[in-house]
Amino acid sequence: METIEFDNCGQLCPSTLLTALREVNTYRDQLQQGSHQLVIKTDARDATRTIPDAVENMGYQVEISKQHSIYVIRIYK
């Protein structure tokens, strides 16, 4: 599985959510096929609620971890 990474550090919600949704839609086919996963790095704590809620409603799986002061949101099928 290939990983597509985006660094959204420094952005606040709703900008982080909108960026994540744009990337999910850009890579929709690859995500749906299970050949790719999307990893979003953010320092906005609100994004750990808004992004998972939105992409889970779209049928994706989400995992969140924290590495130092950065949240890592992994989106996959």
PDB file of N, CA and C in Angstrom:
ATOM      1  N   MET A   1       0.854  -1.178   0.000  1.00  0.00           N
ATOM      2  CA  MET A   1       0.000   0.000   0.000  1.00  0.00           C
ATOM      3  C   MET A   1       0.898   1.240   0.000  1.00  0.00           C
ATOM      4  N   GLU A   2       0.647   2.122  -0.939  1.00  0.00           N
ATOM      5  CA  GLU A   2       1.420   3.359  -1.012  1.00  0.00           C
ATOM      6  C   GLU A   2       0.821   4.405  -0.084  1.00  0.00           C
ATOM      7  N   THR A   3       1.685   5.256   0.433  1.00  0.00           N
ATOM      8  CA  THR A   3       1.258   6.301   1.355  1.00  0.00           C
ATOM      9  C   THR A   3       1.417   7.666   0.703  1.00  0.00           C
ATOM     10  N   ILE A   4       0.365   8.454   0.788  1.00  0.00           N
ATOM     11  CA  ILE A   4       0.381   9.838   0.324  1.00  0.00           C
ATOM     12  C   ILE A   4       0.319  10.692   1.578  1.00  0.00           C
ATOM     13  N   GLU A   5       1.326  11.532   1.797  1.00  0.00           N
ATOM     14  CA  GLU A   5       1.395  12.337   3.021  1.00  0.00           C
ATOM     15  C   GLU A   5       1.157  13.808   2.728  1.00  0.00           C
ATOM     16  N   PHE A   6       0.443  14.450   3.662  1.00  0.00           N
ATOM     17  CA  PHE A   6       0.220  15.886   3.598  1.00  0.00           C
ATOM     18  C   PHE A   6       0.482  16.481   4.967  1.00  0.00           C
ATOM     19  N   ASP A   7       1.199  17.570   4.987  1.00  0.00           N
ATOM     20  CA  ASP A   7       1.515  18.268   6.231  1.00  0.00           C
ATOM     21  C   ASP A   7       0.620  19.501   6.318  1.00  0.00           C
ATOM     22  N   ASN A   8      -0.338  19.455   7.230  1.00  0.00           N
ATOM     23  CA  ASN A   8      -1.262  20.574   7.435  1.00  0.00           C
ATOM     24  C   ASN A   8      -0.927  21.368   8.683  1.00  0.00           C
ATOM     25  N   CYS A   9       0.261  21.211   9.203  1.00  0.00           N
ATOM     26  CA  CYS A   9       0.639  21.936  10.420  1.00  0.00           C
ATOM     27  C   CYS A   9       0.574  23.439  10.165  1.00  0.00           C
ATOM     28  N   GLY A  10       0.062  24.140  11.142  1.00  0.00           N
ATOM     29  CA  GLY A  10      -0.084  25.584  11.032  1.00  0.00           C
ATOM     30  C   GLY A  10      -1.449  26.016  10.533  1.00  0.00           C
ATOM     31  N   GLN A  11      -2.253  25.081  10.026  1.00  0.00           N
ATOM     32  CA  GLN A  11      -3.600  25.402   9.574  1.00  0.00           C
ATOM     33  C   GLN A  11      -4.587  25.106  10.695  1.00  0.00           C
ATOM     34  N   LEU A  12      -5.637  25.872  10.732  1.00  0.00           N
ATOM     35  CA  LEU A  12      -6.691  25.664  11.724  1.00  0.00           C
ATOM     36  C   LEU A  12      -7.941  25.151  11.030  1.00  0.00           C
ATOM     37  N   CYS A  13      -8.811  24.502  11.794  1.00  0.00           N
ATOM     38  CA  CYS A  13     -10.107  24.103  11.256  1.00  0.00           C
ATOM     39  C   CYS A  13     -10.917  25.361  10.997  1.00  0.00           C
ATOM     40  N   PRO A  14     -11.679  25.421   9.944  1.00  0.00           N
ATOM     41  CA  PRO A  14     -12.041  24.336   9.039  1.00  0.00           C
ATOM     42  C   PRO A  14     -11.059  24.125   7.890  1.00  0.00           C
ATOM     43  N   SER A  15      -9.994  24.894   7.819  1.00  0.00           N
ATOM     44  CA  SER A  15      -9.036  24.743   6.719  1.00  0.00           C
ATOM     45  C   SER A  15      -8.442  23.339   6.663  1.00  0.00           C
ATOM     46  N   THR A  16      -8.123  22.758   7.818  1.00  0.00           N
ATOM     47  CA  THR A  16      -7.554  21.411   7.830  1.00  0.00           C
ATOM     48  C   THR A  16      -8.568  20.399   7.297  1.00  0.00           C
ATOM     49  N   LEU A  17      -9.817  20.542   7.672  1.00  0.00           N
ATOM     50  CA  LEU A  17     -10.868  19.641   7.199  1.00  0.00           C
ATOM     51  C   LEU A  17     -11.056  19.781   5.695  1.00  0.00           C
ATOM     52  N   LEU A  18     -11.135  20.993   5.217  1.00  0.00           N
ATOM     53  CA  LEU A  18     -11.353  21.211   3.783  1.00  0.00           C
ATOM     54  C   LEU A  18     -10.194  20.674   2.958  1.00  0.00           C
ATOM     55  N   THR A  19      -8.968  20.868   3.434  1.00  0.00           N
ATOM     56  CA  THR A  19      -7.797  20.333   2.740  1.00  0.00           C
ATOM     57  C   THR A  19      -7.844  18.809   2.714  1.00  0.00           C
ATOM     58  N   ALA A  20      -8.183  18.198   3.843  1.00  0.00           N
ATOM     59  CA  ALA A  20      -8.265  16.739   3.914  1.00  0.00           C
ATOM     60  C   ALA A  20      -9.325  16.200   2.959  1.00  0.00           C
ATOM     61  N   LEU A  21     -10.478  16.827   2.939  1.00  0.00           N
ATOM     62  CA  LEU A  21     -11.553  16.374   2.046  1.00  0.00           C
ATOM     63  C   LEU A  21     -11.170  16.531   0.580  1.00  0.00           C
ATOM     64  N   ARG A  22     -10.471  17.604   0.259  1.00  0.00           N
ATOM     65  CA  ARG A  22     -10.006  17.798  -1.115  1.00  0.00           C
ATOM     66  C   ARG A  22      -9.063  16.667  -1.512  1.00  0.00           C
ATOM     67  N   GLU A  23      -8.143  16.311  -0.615  1.00  0.00           N
ATOM     68  CA  GLU A  23      -7.185  15.247  -0.932  1.00  0.00           C
ATOM     69  C   GLU A  23      -7.856  13.880  -0.997  1.00  0.00           C
ATOM     70  N   VAL A  24      -8.806  13.618  -0.128  1.00  0.00           N
ATOM     71  CA  VAL A  24      -9.559  12.360  -0.192  1.00  0.00           C
ATOM     72  C   VAL A  24     -10.263  12.261  -1.543  1.00  0.00           C
ATOM     73  N   ASN A  25     -10.861  13.340  -1.987  1.00  0.00           N
ATOM     74  CA  ASN A  25     -11.548  13.321  -3.283  1.00  0.00           C
ATOM     75  C   ASN A  25     -10.569  13.218  -4.445  1.00  0.00           C
ATOM     76  N   THR A  26      -9.408  13.841  -4.330  1.00  0.00           N
ATOM     77  CA  THR A  26      -8.396  13.760  -5.379  1.00  0.00           C
ATOM     78  C   THR A  26      -7.915  12.324  -5.559  1.00  0.00           C
ATOM     79  N   TYR A  27      -7.721  11.613  -4.461  1.00  0.00           N
ATOM     80  CA  TYR A  27      -7.202  10.245  -4.496  1.00  0.00           C
ATOM     81  C   TYR A  27      -8.281   9.196  -4.239  1.00  0.00           C
ATOM     82  N   ARG A  28      -9.518   9.557  -4.494  1.00  0.00           N
ATOM     83  CA  ARG A  28     -10.660   8.686  -4.221  1.00  0.00           C
ATOM     84  C   ARG A  28     -10.509   7.298  -4.842  1.00  0.00           C
ATOM     85  N   ASP A  29     -10.138   7.239  -6.124  1.00  0.00           N
ATOM     86  CA  ASP A  29     -10.040   5.944  -6.799  1.00  0.00           C
ATOM     87  C   ASP A  29      -8.981   5.055  -6.143  1.00  0.00           C
ATOM     88  N   GLN A  30      -7.813   5.623  -5.852  1.00  0.00           N
ATOM     89  CA  GLN A  30      -6.738   4.847  -5.235  1.00  0.00           C
ATOM     90  C   GLN A  30      -7.125   4.401  -3.825  1.00  0.00           C
ATOM     91  N   LEU A  31      -7.787   5.268  -3.078  1.00  0.00           N
ATOM     92  CA  LEU A  31      -8.223   4.912  -1.728  1.00  0.00           C
ATOM     93  C   LEU A  31      -9.287   3.813  -1.785  1.00  0.00           C
ATOM     94  N   GLN A  32     -10.232   3.947  -2.701  1.00  0.00           N
ATOM     95  CA  GLN A  32     -11.304   2.966  -2.825  1.00  0.00           C
ATOM     96  C   GLN A  32     -10.766   1.587  -3.214  1.00  0.00           C
ATOM     97  N   GLN A  33      -9.726   1.562  -4.039  1.00  0.00           N
ATOM     98  CA  GLN A  33      -9.128   0.297  -4.461  1.00  0.00           C
ATOM     99  C   GLN A  33      -8.273  -0.325  -3.359  1.00  0.00           C
ATOM    100  N   GLY A  34      -7.935   0.467  -2.343  1.00  0.00           N
ATOM    101  CA  GLY A  34      -7.091  -0.032  -1.270  1.00  0.00           C
ATOM    102  C   GLY A  34      -5.613  -0.039  -1.607  1.00  0.00           C
ATOM    103  N   SER A  35      -5.235   0.583  -2.709  1.00  0.00           N
ATOM    104  CA  SER A  35      -3.827   0.608  -3.112  1.00  0.00           C
ATOM    105  C   SER A  35      -3.051   1.741  -2.444  1.00  0.00           C
ATOM    106  N   HIS A  36      -3.766   2.717  -1.889  1.00  0.00           N
ATOM    107  CA  HIS A  36      -3.134   3.870  -1.259  1.00  0.00           C
ATOM    108  C   HIS A  36      -3.797   4.174   0.088  1.00  0.00           C
ATOM    109  N   GLN A  37      -3.035   4.841   0.925  1.00  0.00           N
ATOM    110  CA  GLN A  37      -3.571   5.403   2.160  1.00  0.00           C
ATOM    111  C   GLN A  37      -3.136   6.861   2.209  1.00  0.00           C
ATOM    112  N   LEU A  38      -3.913   7.657   2.876  1.00  0.00           N
ATOM    113  CA  LEU A  38      -3.640   9.083   3.004  1.00  0.00           C
ATOM    114  C   LEU A  38      -3.241   9.352   4.444  1.00  0.00           C
ATOM    115  N   VAL A  39      -2.120  10.019   4.645  1.00  0.00           N
ATOM    116  CA  VAL A  39      -1.657  10.371   5.983  1.00  0.00           C
ATOM    117  C   VAL A  39      -1.586  11.891   6.069  1.00  0.00           C
ATOM    118  N   ILE A  40      -2.336  12.431   7.010  1.00  0.00           N
ATOM    119  CA  ILE A  40      -2.383  13.876   7.204  1.00  0.00           C
ATOM    120  C   ILE A  40      -1.766  14.202   8.549  1.00  0.00           C
ATOM    121  N   LYS A  41      -0.792  15.090   8.531  1.00  0.00           N
ATOM    122  CA  LYS A  41      -0.146  15.534   9.763  1.00  0.00           C
ATOM    123  C   LYS A  41      -0.678  16.921  10.093  1.00  0.00           C
ATOM    124  N   THR A  42      -1.064  17.101  11.348  1.00  0.00           N
ATOM    125  CA  THR A  42      -1.623  18.381  11.760  1.00  0.00           C
ATOM    126  C   THR A  42      -1.282  18.661  13.218  1.00  0.00           C
ATOM    127  N   ASP A  43      -1.261  19.928  13.555  1.00  0.00           N
ATOM    128  CA  ASP A  43      -1.086  20.308  14.955  1.00  0.00           C
ATOM    129  C   ASP A  43      -2.381  20.897  15.519  1.00  0.00           C
ATOM    130  N   ALA A  44      -3.451  20.813  14.736  1.00  0.00           N
ATOM    131  CA  ALA A  44      -4.767  21.315  15.153  1.00  0.00           C
ATOM    132  C   ALA A  44      -5.557  20.183  15.805  1.00  0.00           C
ATOM    133  N   ARG A  45      -5.729  20.273  17.105  1.00  0.00           N
ATOM    134  CA  ARG A  45      -6.425  19.206  17.823  1.00  0.00           C
ATOM    135  C   ARG A  45      -7.855  19.006  17.328  1.00  0.00           C
ATOM    136  N   ASP A  46      -8.539  20.081  16.946  1.00  0.00           N
ATOM    137  CA  ASP A  46      -9.909  19.971  16.435  1.00  0.00           C
ATOM    138  C   ASP A  46      -9.990  19.057  15.213  1.00  0.00           C
ATOM    139  N   ALA A  47      -8.924  19.016  14.446  1.00  0.00           N
ATOM    140  CA  ALA A  47      -8.908  18.194  13.236  1.00  0.00           C
ATOM    141  C   ALA A  47      -8.998  16.706  13.572  1.00  0.00           C
ATOM    142  N   THR A  48      -8.621  16.331  14.792  1.00  0.00           N
ATOM    143  CA  THR A  48      -8.701  14.916  15.177  1.00  0.00           C
ATOM    144  C   THR A  48     -10.142  14.473  15.397  1.00  0.00           C
ATOM    145  N   ARG A  49     -11.066  15.410  15.416  1.00  0.00           N
ATOM    146  CA  ARG A  49     -12.495  15.090  15.496  1.00  0.00           C
ATOM    147  C   ARG A  49     -13.182  15.313  14.153  1.00  0.00           C
ATOM    148  N   THR A  50     -12.915  16.453  13.544  1.00  0.00           N
ATOM    149  CA  THR A  50     -13.646  16.814  12.323  1.00  0.00           C
ATOM    150  C   THR A  50     -13.286  15.935  11.132  1.00  0.00           C
ATOM    151  N   ILE A  51     -11.995  15.680  10.939  1.00  0.00           N
ATOM    152  CA  ILE A  51     -11.577  14.869   9.786  1.00  0.00           C
ATOM    153  C   ILE A  51     -12.086  13.434   9.911  1.00  0.00           C
ATOM    154  N   PRO A  52     -11.848  12.746  11.045  1.00  0.00           N
ATOM    155  CA  PRO A  52     -12.365  11.377  11.147  1.00  0.00           C
ATOM    156  C   PRO A  52     -13.880  11.281  10.970  1.00  0.00           C
ATOM    157  N   ASP A  53     -14.625  12.191  11.576  1.00  0.00           N
ATOM    158  CA  ASP A  53     -16.083  12.155  11.430  1.00  0.00           C
ATOM    159  C   ASP A  53     -16.486  12.235   9.959  1.00  0.00           C
ATOM    160  N   ALA A  54     -15.862  13.156   9.226  1.00  0.00           N
ATOM    161  CA  ALA A  54     -16.227  13.366   7.826  1.00  0.00           C
ATOM    162  C   ALA A  54     -15.854  12.171   6.954  1.00  0.00           C
ATOM    163  N   VAL A  55     -14.626  11.670   7.093  1.00  0.00           N
ATOM    164  CA  VAL A  55     -14.205  10.583   6.198  1.00  0.00           C
ATOM    165  C   VAL A  55     -14.828   9.241   6.576  1.00  0.00           C
ATOM    166  N   GLU A  56     -15.139   9.033   7.848  1.00  0.00           N
ATOM    167  CA  GLU A  56     -15.855   7.805   8.219  1.00  0.00           C
ATOM    168  C   GLU A  56     -17.249   7.801   7.602  1.00  0.00           C
ATOM    169  N   ASN A  57     -17.885   8.965   7.527  1.00  0.00           N
ATOM    170  CA  ASN A  57     -19.188   9.071   6.866  1.00  0.00           C
ATOM    171  C   ASN A  57     -19.087   8.787   5.374  1.00  0.00           C
ATOM    172  N   MET A  58     -17.890   8.912   4.815  1.00  0.00           N
ATOM    173  CA  MET A  58     -17.652   8.617   3.402  1.00  0.00           C
ATOM    174  C   MET A  58     -17.274   7.147   3.193  1.00  0.00           C
ATOM    175  N   GLY A  59     -17.167   6.388   4.298  1.00  0.00           N
ATOM    176  CA  GLY A  59     -16.891   4.961   4.190  1.00  0.00           C
ATOM    177  C   GLY A  59     -15.445   4.552   4.379  1.00  0.00           C
ATOM    178  N   TYR A  60     -14.618   5.451   4.868  1.00  0.00           N
ATOM    179  CA  TYR A  60     -13.205   5.140   5.071  1.00  0.00           C
ATOM    180  C   TYR A  60     -12.922   4.775   6.524  1.00  0.00           C
ATOM    181  N   GLN A  61     -11.799   4.120   6.723  1.00  0.00           N
ATOM    182  CA  GLN A  61     -11.294   3.816   8.058  1.00  0.00           C
ATOM    183  C   GLN A  61     -10.320   4.924   8.448  1.00  0.00           C
ATOM    184  N   VAL A  62     -10.235   5.199   9.741  1.00  0.00           N
ATOM    185  CA  VAL A  62      -9.355   6.262  10.218  1.00  0.00           C
ATOM    186  C   VAL A  62      -8.629   5.800  11.471  1.00  0.00           C
ATOM    187  N   GLU A  63      -7.352   6.101  11.535  1.00  0.00           N
ATOM    188  CA  GLU A  63      -6.557   5.883  12.740  1.00  0.00           C
ATOM    189  C   GLU A  63      -5.849   7.185  13.076  1.00  0.00           C
ATOM    190  N   ILE A  64      -5.807   7.505  14.366  1.00  0.00           N
ATOM    191  CA  ILE A  64      -5.152   8.728  14.816  1.00  0.00           C
ATOM    192  C   ILE A  64      -4.072   8.357  15.812  1.00  0.00           C
ATOM    193  N   SER A  65      -2.911   8.947  15.640  1.00  0.00           N
ATOM    194  CA  SER A  65      -1.836   8.774  16.611  1.00  0.00           C
ATOM    195  C   SER A  65      -1.202  10.144  16.846  1.00  0.00           C
ATOM    196  N   LYS A  66      -0.400  10.227  17.877  1.00  0.00           N
ATOM    197  CA  LYS A  66       0.271  11.482  18.192  1.00  0.00           C
ATOM    198  C   LYS A  66       1.762  11.216  18.263  1.00  0.00           C
ATOM    199  N   GLN A  67       2.514  12.001  17.524  1.00  0.00           N
ATOM    200  CA  GLN A  67       3.971  11.908  17.534  1.00  0.00           C
ATOM    201  C   GLN A  67       4.500  13.267  17.956  1.00  0.00           C
ATOM    202  N   HIS A  68       4.946  13.332  19.193  1.00  0.00           N
ATOM    203  CA  HIS A  68       5.390  14.590  19.799  1.00  0.00           C
ATOM    204  C   HIS A  68       4.201  15.556  19.843  1.00  0.00           C
ATOM    205  N   SER A  69       4.266  16.680  19.154  1.00  0.00           N
ATOM    206  CA  SER A  69       3.155  17.640  19.190  1.00  0.00           C
ATOM    207  C   SER A  69       2.317  17.589  17.912  1.00  0.00           C
ATOM    208  N   ILE A  70       2.522  16.556  17.107  1.00  0.00           N
ATOM    209  CA  ILE A  70       1.832  16.434  15.821  1.00  0.00           C
ATOM    210  C   ILE A  70       0.869  15.248  15.863  1.00  0.00           C
ATOM    211  N   TYR A  71      -0.339  15.476  15.374  1.00  0.00           N
ATOM    212  CA  TYR A  71      -1.315  14.414  15.220  1.00  0.00           C
ATOM    213  C   TYR A  71      -1.176  13.822  13.819  1.00  0.00           C
ATOM    214  N   VAL A  72      -1.209  12.518  13.729  1.00  0.00           N
ATOM    215  CA  VAL A  72      -1.117  11.819  12.450  1.00  0.00           C
ATOM    216  C   VAL A  72      -2.438  11.110  12.218  1.00  0.00           C
ATOM    217  N   ILE A  73      -3.114  11.490  11.149  1.00  0.00           N
ATOM    218  CA  ILE A  73      -4.417  10.920  10.813  1.00  0.00           C
ATOM    219  C   ILE A  73      -4.243  10.071   9.560  1.00  0.00           C
ATOM    220  N   ARG A  74      -4.465   8.783   9.704  1.00  0.00           N
ATOM    221  CA  ARG A  74      -4.305   7.838   8.587  1.00  0.00           C
ATOM    222  C   ARG A  74      -5.687   7.446   8.081  1.00  0.00           C
ATOM    223  N   ILE A  75      -5.899   7.632   6.783  1.00  0.00           N
ATOM    224  CA  ILE A  75      -7.173   7.355   6.136  1.00  0.00           C
ATOM    225  C   ILE A  75      -6.954   6.255   5.108  1.00  0.00           C
ATOM    226  N   TYR A  76      -7.776   5.224   5.165  1.00  0.00           N
ATOM    227  CA  TYR A  76      -7.613   4.107   4.245  1.00  0.00           C
ATOM    228  C   TYR A  76      -8.947   3.388   4.093  1.00  0.00           C
ATOM    229  N   LYS A  77      -9.008   2.454   3.170  1.00  0.00           N
ATOM    230  CA  LYS A  77     -10.223   1.678   2.924  1.00  0.00           C
ATOM    231  C   LYS A  77     -10.058   0.300   3.494  1.00  0.00           C
TER     232      LYS A  77
END
